[in-house]
Amino acid sequence: MITLAMLPPAQAAVIDRAATTPLANVGAPGISVTVANDGTIVYAKGFGVRDVASGAPFDPATIFPLGSITRQFTAAAIELLRNSGKLSLDARVSTYVPKAPHAAEMSVRDLLRETSGLPEYLAGDITPIVTSATVTPQQLLDTVAAKPLRFAPGTRYEASGTNYIVLGAIVEAVSGLSYADFIHRYIALPLGLRTLGFGPPPGATDVAIGYGITQADTPVTAWTPQSTYAAGALDASAPDLVAWDAALFGYKLLPKAIVDEMTVPAPLAGGGKSDFAADRSSKRSRTTRSFGNTAARRARTRAIAG
């Protein structure tokens, strides 16, 4: 559980400046910032507005679409099923989802590490897909069914949302639950992540609205949760992301051995190297190890002593 403490005013002022200066420079409507130290929230504050039209302010509880950070939760869902003996990371994808593209050619581990070679399903004219509230995971996969692999599985790293669409389908096939229900039942509820869910919670009003880079007062058309599915459909608040981080690295959800494996890249076939492991880039220096979501363009990073 995350606890709350007070950051000294001088240190809080430094974060205030770090948050407000970029907002002023780029003209963004607002931001929510949460900082924790060893599982204790020491700073949580909103700046600007989450809705330009109404002037509703950002606050620490504001809910955001997580985008590609969703994939960390999908990876954890797969690892939960593995830890309970319900699947093997080295099994062929066809064992669980035979209709997935090239399912017999790659392992579940290849999907997690984004070394499968599957092409990106969001390519070309994506508008009909990302605006659909009825598109199914199989229909998402059908968009690349006829396309060849971009490389032999295990030989290269290349980010592709298709990997995590397939992983979501595996979660459903193995658990017998929808992806949304699995995340809610086995991650959100046990960890007390009240805002984590497939899209914003029903009836929620404290939700951030997305705006364009060049037109900061014009809302963008939000992609539907159905279109991004296990690769990008989850929403949560900043404090719940902090709680997630503390729970994962505090081994509240998965044992240390599995978390370590999730965050340490394995060599590629043929001896190549990758900085990527289970949807977290990983780079180690002498004193720290940092993890971040590559597909989210380092939207969230973590550094721990190591």
Protein backbone atom coordinates (compact mmCIF):
# COMPACT_ATOMS: atom_id res chain seq x y z
CA MET A 1 0.00 0.00 0.00
CA ILE A 2 1.20 3.50 -0.83
CA THR A 3 1.53 5.90 2.11
CA LEU A 4 1.69 9.68 2.01
CA ALA A 5 4.35 11.96 3.47
CA MET A 6 5.20 15.62 3.04
CA LEU A 7 8.14 16.71 0.89
CA PRO A 8 10.10 19.65 2.32
CA PRO A 9 8.89 22.94 0.77
CA ALA A 10 12.21 23.69 -0.89
CA GLN A 11 12.23 20.33 -2.68
CA ALA A 12 8.55 20.67 -3.61
CA ALA A 13 9.33 24.06 -5.16
CA VAL A 14 11.95 22.43 -7.41
CA ILE A 15 9.34 19.96 -8.70
CA ASP A 16 6.84 22.79 -9.13
CA ARG A 17 9.28 24.59 -11.41
CA ALA A 18 10.18 21.41 -13.29
CA ALA A 19 6.48 20.81 -14.00
CA THR A 20 5.37 24.34 -14.86
CA THR A 21 8.30 25.41 -17.05
CA PRO A 22 7.68 22.83 -19.82
CA LEU A 23 3.95 23.60 -19.72
CA ALA A 24 4.67 27.26 -20.35
CA ASN A 25 7.21 26.45 -23.07
CA VAL A 26 4.98 24.13 -25.13
CA GLY A 27 1.58 25.59 -24.25
CA ALA A 28 0.20 22.31 -22.92
CA PRO A 29 -3.08 22.60 -20.95
CA GLY A 30 -1.90 20.79 -17.85
CA ILE A 31 -0.18 17.92 -16.09
CA SER A 32 -0.43 15.74 -12.98
CA VAL A 33 2.78 14.87 -11.11
CA THR A 34 3.28 12.23 -8.41
CA VAL A 35 6.64 11.49 -6.78
CA ALA A 36 7.34 8.62 -4.39
CA ASN A 37 10.32 7.56 -2.33
CA ASP A 38 10.52 3.89 -1.37
CA GLY A 39 6.79 3.41 -1.79
CA THR A 40 5.78 6.58 0.05
CA ILE A 41 4.20 9.37 -1.96
CA VAL A 42 6.02 12.57 -1.06
CA TYR A 43 4.53 14.85 -3.71
CA ALA A 44 1.25 14.80 -5.65
CA LYS A 45 -0.05 17.84 -7.47
CA GLY A 46 -1.93 18.92 -10.56
CA PHE A 47 -1.09 21.90 -12.76
CA GLY A 48 -3.26 23.62 -15.36
CA VAL A 49 -6.53 22.22 -16.68
CA ARG A 50 -7.61 18.76 -17.82
CA ASP A 51 -10.51 20.19 -19.84
CA VAL A 52 -9.91 23.46 -21.68
CA ALA A 53 -13.59 24.07 -22.42
CA SER A 54 -14.80 23.77 -18.84
CA GLY A 55 -11.62 24.89 -17.12
CA ALA A 56 -11.68 21.80 -14.87
CA PRO A 57 -8.30 21.61 -13.15
CA PHE A 58 -5.81 18.79 -13.04
CA ASP A 59 -5.39 17.17 -9.64
CA PRO A 60 -3.47 14.12 -8.36
CA ALA A 61 -6.49 11.86 -8.91
CA THR A 62 -6.98 12.78 -12.59
CA ILE A 63 -7.25 9.67 -14.76
CA PHE A 64 -5.18 9.37 -17.94
CA PRO A 65 -5.14 6.94 -20.85
CA LEU A 66 -1.96 4.93 -20.29
CA GLY A 67 -1.31 4.19 -23.94
CA SER A 68 1.62 1.84 -24.41
CA ILE A 69 2.26 1.69 -20.66
CA THR A 70 -0.69 -0.74 -20.76
CA ARG A 71 1.79 -3.34 -22.00
CA GLN A 72 3.48 -3.58 -18.60
CA PHE A 73 0.18 -4.80 -17.16
CA THR A 74 -0.33 -7.22 -20.05
CA ALA A 75 3.14 -8.65 -19.45
CA ALA A 76 2.31 -9.03 -15.77
CA ALA A 77 -0.95 -10.82 -16.65
CA ILE A 78 0.99 -13.34 -18.74
CA GLU A 79 3.49 -13.82 -15.92
CA LEU A 80 0.66 -14.41 -13.44
CA LEU A 81 -0.66 -17.19 -15.64
CA ARG A 82 2.85 -18.60 -16.00
CA ASN A 83 3.41 -18.47 -12.24
CA SER A 84 0.19 -20.42 -11.68
CA GLY A 85 1.36 -23.11 -14.12
CA LYS A 86 -1.24 -22.32 -16.76
CA LEU A 87 1.15 -21.44 -19.60
CA SER A 88 4.77 -21.65 -20.66
CA LEU A 89 6.68 -18.74 -22.12
CA ASP A 90 8.55 -21.15 -24.39
CA ALA A 91 5.40 -22.68 -25.86
CA ARG A 92 4.46 -21.85 -29.42
CA VAL A 93 1.79 -19.16 -29.65
CA SER A 94 -0.32 -21.67 -31.58
CA THR A 95 -0.68 -23.67 -28.35
CA TYR A 96 -3.01 -20.98 -27.01
CA VAL A 97 -4.16 -18.85 -29.95
CA PRO A 98 -3.91 -20.96 -33.12
CA LYS A 99 -5.53 -18.25 -35.27
CA ALA A 100 -2.88 -15.63 -34.46
CA PRO A 101 -0.64 -14.66 -37.40
CA HIS A 102 2.43 -16.92 -37.71
CA ALA A 103 1.37 -18.55 -34.43
CA ALA A 104 3.45 -21.71 -34.96
CA GLU A 105 6.63 -19.76 -35.72
CA MET A 106 7.15 -17.90 -32.44
CA SER A 107 7.00 -18.38 -28.69
CA VAL A 108 5.10 -16.44 -26.06
CA ARG A 109 8.48 -15.17 -24.88
CA ASP A 110 9.12 -13.68 -28.33
CA LEU A 111 5.92 -11.66 -27.98
CA LEU A 112 6.84 -10.37 -24.52
CA ARG A 113 10.29 -9.31 -25.65
CA GLU A 114 9.00 -7.91 -28.96
CA THR A 115 11.32 -10.16 -30.94
CA SER A 116 8.57 -11.96 -32.87
CA GLY A 117 8.93 -10.11 -36.16
CA LEU A 118 5.19 -9.44 -36.33
CA PRO A 119 4.42 -6.24 -38.29
CA GLU A 120 2.58 -3.35 -36.62
CA TYR A 121 -1.19 -3.67 -36.93
CA LEU A 122 -1.65 0.11 -36.75
CA ALA A 123 -0.23 0.95 -40.16
CA GLY A 124 -1.65 2.76 -43.17
CA ASP A 125 -5.11 4.28 -42.76
CA ILE A 126 -5.80 3.48 -39.11
CA THR A 127 -8.84 5.77 -38.65
CA PRO A 128 -11.47 3.05 -39.18
CA ILE A 129 -9.72 0.91 -36.57
CA VAL A 130 -8.93 3.43 -33.84
CA THR A 131 -12.43 4.94 -33.90
CA SER A 132 -14.25 1.60 -33.71
CA ALA A 133 -15.95 0.58 -30.47
CA THR A 134 -16.86 -2.84 -31.84
CA VAL A 135 -13.59 -4.09 -33.38
CA THR A 136 -12.49 -7.42 -31.88
CA PRO A 137 -8.97 -8.65 -31.05
CA GLN A 138 -9.19 -11.19 -33.89
CA GLN A 139 -10.12 -8.44 -36.34
CA LEU A 140 -7.09 -6.46 -35.18
CA LEU A 141 -4.89 -9.47 -35.85
CA ASP A 142 -6.53 -10.07 -39.22
CA THR A 143 -5.05 -6.77 -40.44
CA VAL A 144 -1.59 -8.39 -40.51
CA ALA A 145 -2.58 -12.01 -41.16
CA ALA A 146 -1.42 -11.97 -44.77
CA LYS A 147 1.80 -10.06 -44.11
CA PRO A 148 5.18 -11.79 -43.75
CA LEU A 149 7.27 -11.58 -40.61
CA ARG A 150 9.73 -8.70 -40.67
CA PHE A 151 12.53 -10.97 -39.41
CA ALA A 152 13.03 -14.43 -37.96
CA PRO A 153 11.65 -14.62 -34.40
CA GLY A 154 14.26 -14.11 -31.70
CA THR A 155 16.83 -12.42 -33.92
CA ARG A 156 15.90 -8.76 -33.51
CA TYR A 157 13.98 -6.41 -31.27
CA GLU A 158 11.35 -4.22 -32.91
CA ALA A 159 8.41 -2.63 -31.12
CA SER A 160 5.05 -3.70 -32.52
CA GLY A 161 1.69 -3.36 -30.85
CA THR A 162 0.66 -6.59 -32.55
CA ASN A 163 2.76 -8.55 -30.03
CA TYR A 164 0.61 -7.31 -27.19
CA ILE A 165 -2.66 -7.80 -29.05
CA VAL A 166 -1.70 -11.48 -29.32
CA LEU A 167 -0.69 -11.57 -25.65
CA GLY A 168 -4.10 -10.18 -24.68
CA ALA A 169 -5.75 -12.92 -26.72
CA ILE A 170 -3.58 -15.48 -24.89
CA VAL A 171 -4.69 -14.08 -21.51
CA GLU A 172 -8.31 -14.53 -22.55
CA ALA A 173 -7.82 -18.01 -24.02
CA VAL A 174 -5.94 -19.36 -21.00
CA SER A 175 -7.92 -17.67 -18.21
CA GLY A 176 -11.40 -17.88 -19.70
CA LEU A 177 -11.91 -14.21 -18.78
CA SER A 178 -11.97 -11.10 -20.89
CA TYR A 179 -8.73 -9.12 -20.81
CA ALA A 180 -10.50 -6.30 -18.94
CA ASP A 181 -11.90 -8.69 -16.32
CA PHE A 182 -8.54 -10.40 -15.79
CA ILE A 183 -6.76 -7.08 -15.20
CA HIS A 184 -9.48 -5.99 -12.79
CA ARG A 185 -9.69 -9.27 -10.85
CA TYR A 186 -6.02 -10.22 -10.62
CA ILE A 187 -4.18 -6.87 -10.70
CA ALA A 188 -6.39 -3.87 -9.90
CA LEU A 189 -8.37 -5.39 -7.03
CA PRO A 190 -5.51 -7.17 -5.19
CA LEU A 191 -3.27 -4.10 -5.40
CA GLY A 192 -5.98 -1.54 -4.63
CA LEU A 193 -5.58 0.28 -7.95
CA ARG A 194 -9.00 1.89 -7.96
CA THR A 195 -8.60 3.89 -11.17
CA LEU A 196 -6.94 1.15 -13.25
CA GLY A 197 -9.29 -0.18 -15.87
CA PHE A 198 -10.13 -0.83 -19.51
CA GLY A 199 -10.83 2.77 -20.48
CA PRO A 200 -11.93 5.29 -17.83
CA PRO A 201 -14.16 3.98 -15.04
CA PRO A 202 -17.90 4.28 -15.85
CA GLY A 203 -19.21 7.63 -14.68
CA ALA A 204 -15.76 9.04 -13.97
CA THR A 205 -15.52 12.81 -14.40
CA ASP A 206 -11.93 13.50 -13.34
CA VAL A 207 -10.52 12.33 -16.68
CA ALA A 208 -7.87 14.09 -18.76
CA ILE A 209 -8.86 15.13 -22.27
CA GLY A 210 -6.20 14.85 -24.96
CA TYR A 211 -5.26 17.84 -27.10
CA GLY A 212 -3.24 18.31 -30.26
CA ILE A 213 0.36 19.48 -30.22
CA THR A 214 -0.20 22.33 -32.66
CA GLN A 215 -3.75 23.13 -31.48
CA ALA A 216 -3.57 22.89 -27.73
CA ASP A 217 -7.18 23.97 -27.24
CA THR A 218 -8.69 21.44 -29.69
CA PRO A 219 -9.46 17.96 -28.33
CA VAL A 220 -8.10 15.07 -30.37
CA THR A 221 -10.29 12.13 -31.30
CA ALA A 222 -9.59 9.55 -28.62
CA TRP A 223 -8.73 6.03 -29.78
CA THR A 224 -11.19 3.48 -28.48
CA PRO A 225 -10.09 0.92 -25.88
CA GLN A 226 -11.28 -1.82 -28.24
CA SER A 227 -8.83 -0.66 -30.92
CA THR A 228 -5.76 -0.63 -28.69
CA TYR A 229 -6.82 -3.53 -26.44
CA ALA A 230 -3.95 -5.16 -24.52
CA ALA A 231 -1.42 -2.89 -26.27
CA GLY A 232 -2.86 0.41 -25.04
CA ALA A 233 -6.39 0.41 -23.61
CA LEU A 234 -5.86 0.88 -19.86
CA ASP A 235 -6.46 4.08 -17.90
CA ALA A 236 -5.21 5.05 -14.44
CA SER A 237 -4.22 7.97 -12.25
CA ALA A 238 -0.61 8.94 -11.50
CA PRO A 239 -0.79 7.76 -7.85
CA ASP A 240 -2.07 4.36 -9.01
CA LEU A 241 0.91 4.08 -11.35
CA VAL A 242 3.17 4.78 -8.38
CA ALA A 243 1.33 2.11 -6.39
CA TRP A 244 1.72 -0.31 -9.30
CA ASP A 245 5.44 0.33 -9.45
CA ALA A 246 5.84 -0.18 -5.71
CA ALA A 247 3.82 -3.40 -5.79
CA LEU A 248 5.68 -4.87 -8.75
CA PHE A 249 9.14 -4.12 -7.40
CA GLY A 250 8.05 -4.93 -3.87
CA TYR A 251 7.12 -8.43 -5.16
CA LYS A 252 3.51 -8.12 -4.01
CA LEU A 253 2.16 -9.52 -7.28
CA LEU A 254 4.90 -11.77 -8.62
CA PRO A 255 7.97 -13.39 -7.04
CA LYS A 256 11.34 -11.68 -7.31
CA ALA A 257 12.72 -14.26 -9.74
CA ILE A 258 9.98 -13.53 -12.28
CA VAL A 259 10.19 -9.74 -11.84
CA ASP A 260 13.95 -9.92 -12.35
CA GLU A 261 13.46 -11.95 -15.52
CA MET A 262 10.88 -9.43 -16.75
CA THR A 263 13.36 -6.59 -16.40
CA VAL A 264 16.62 -8.15 -17.56
CA PRO A 265 17.05 -8.47 -21.34
CA ALA A 266 18.11 -11.85 -22.72
CA PRO A 267 20.58 -12.25 -25.60
CA LEU A 268 19.11 -12.42 -29.08
CA ALA A 269 19.54 -15.45 -31.27
CA GLY A 270 22.97 -15.36 -32.89
CA GLY A 271 24.52 -13.43 -30.01
CA GLY A 272 22.92 -10.04 -30.59
CA LYS A 273 22.02 -7.71 -27.72
CA SER A 274 18.80 -5.93 -26.78
CA ASP A 275 17.96 -3.35 -24.11
CA PHE A 276 14.39 -4.62 -23.97
CA ALA A 277 12.65 -7.10 -21.66
CA ALA A 278 8.90 -7.72 -21.19
CA ASP A 279 7.90 -4.23 -22.35
CA ARG A 280 10.55 -2.43 -20.35
CA SER A 281 13.77 -1.12 -21.83
CA SER A 282 16.56 -1.85 -19.38
CA LYS A 283 19.92 -0.16 -19.09
CA ARG A 284 22.36 -0.76 -16.25
CA SER A 285 25.17 1.49 -15.13
CA ARG A 286 27.48 0.90 -12.16
CA THR A 287 25.01 2.35 -9.64
CA THR A 288 21.54 2.27 -11.16
CA ARG A 289 19.30 0.29 -13.38
CA SER A 290 16.59 2.15 -15.26
CA PHE A 291 13.42 0.84 -16.81
CA GLY A 292 11.08 2.61 -19.20
CA ASN A 293 8.38 1.88 -21.71
CA THR A 294 10.09 2.21 -25.08
CA ALA A 295 6.92 2.35 -27.16
CA ALA A 296 5.65 5.16 -24.96
CA ARG A 297 8.83 7.09 -25.77
CA ARG A 298 10.09 6.86 -22.20
CA ALA A 299 6.79 8.28 -20.90
CA ARG A 300 7.56 6.67 -17.58
CA THR A 301 10.92 5.63 -16.15
CA ARG A 302 12.16 4.07 -12.95
CA ALA A 303 15.62 4.01 -11.43
CA ILE A 304 16.65 1.70 -8.60
CA ALA A 305 19.92 1.00 -6.87
CA GLY A 306 21.57 -2.05 -8.35
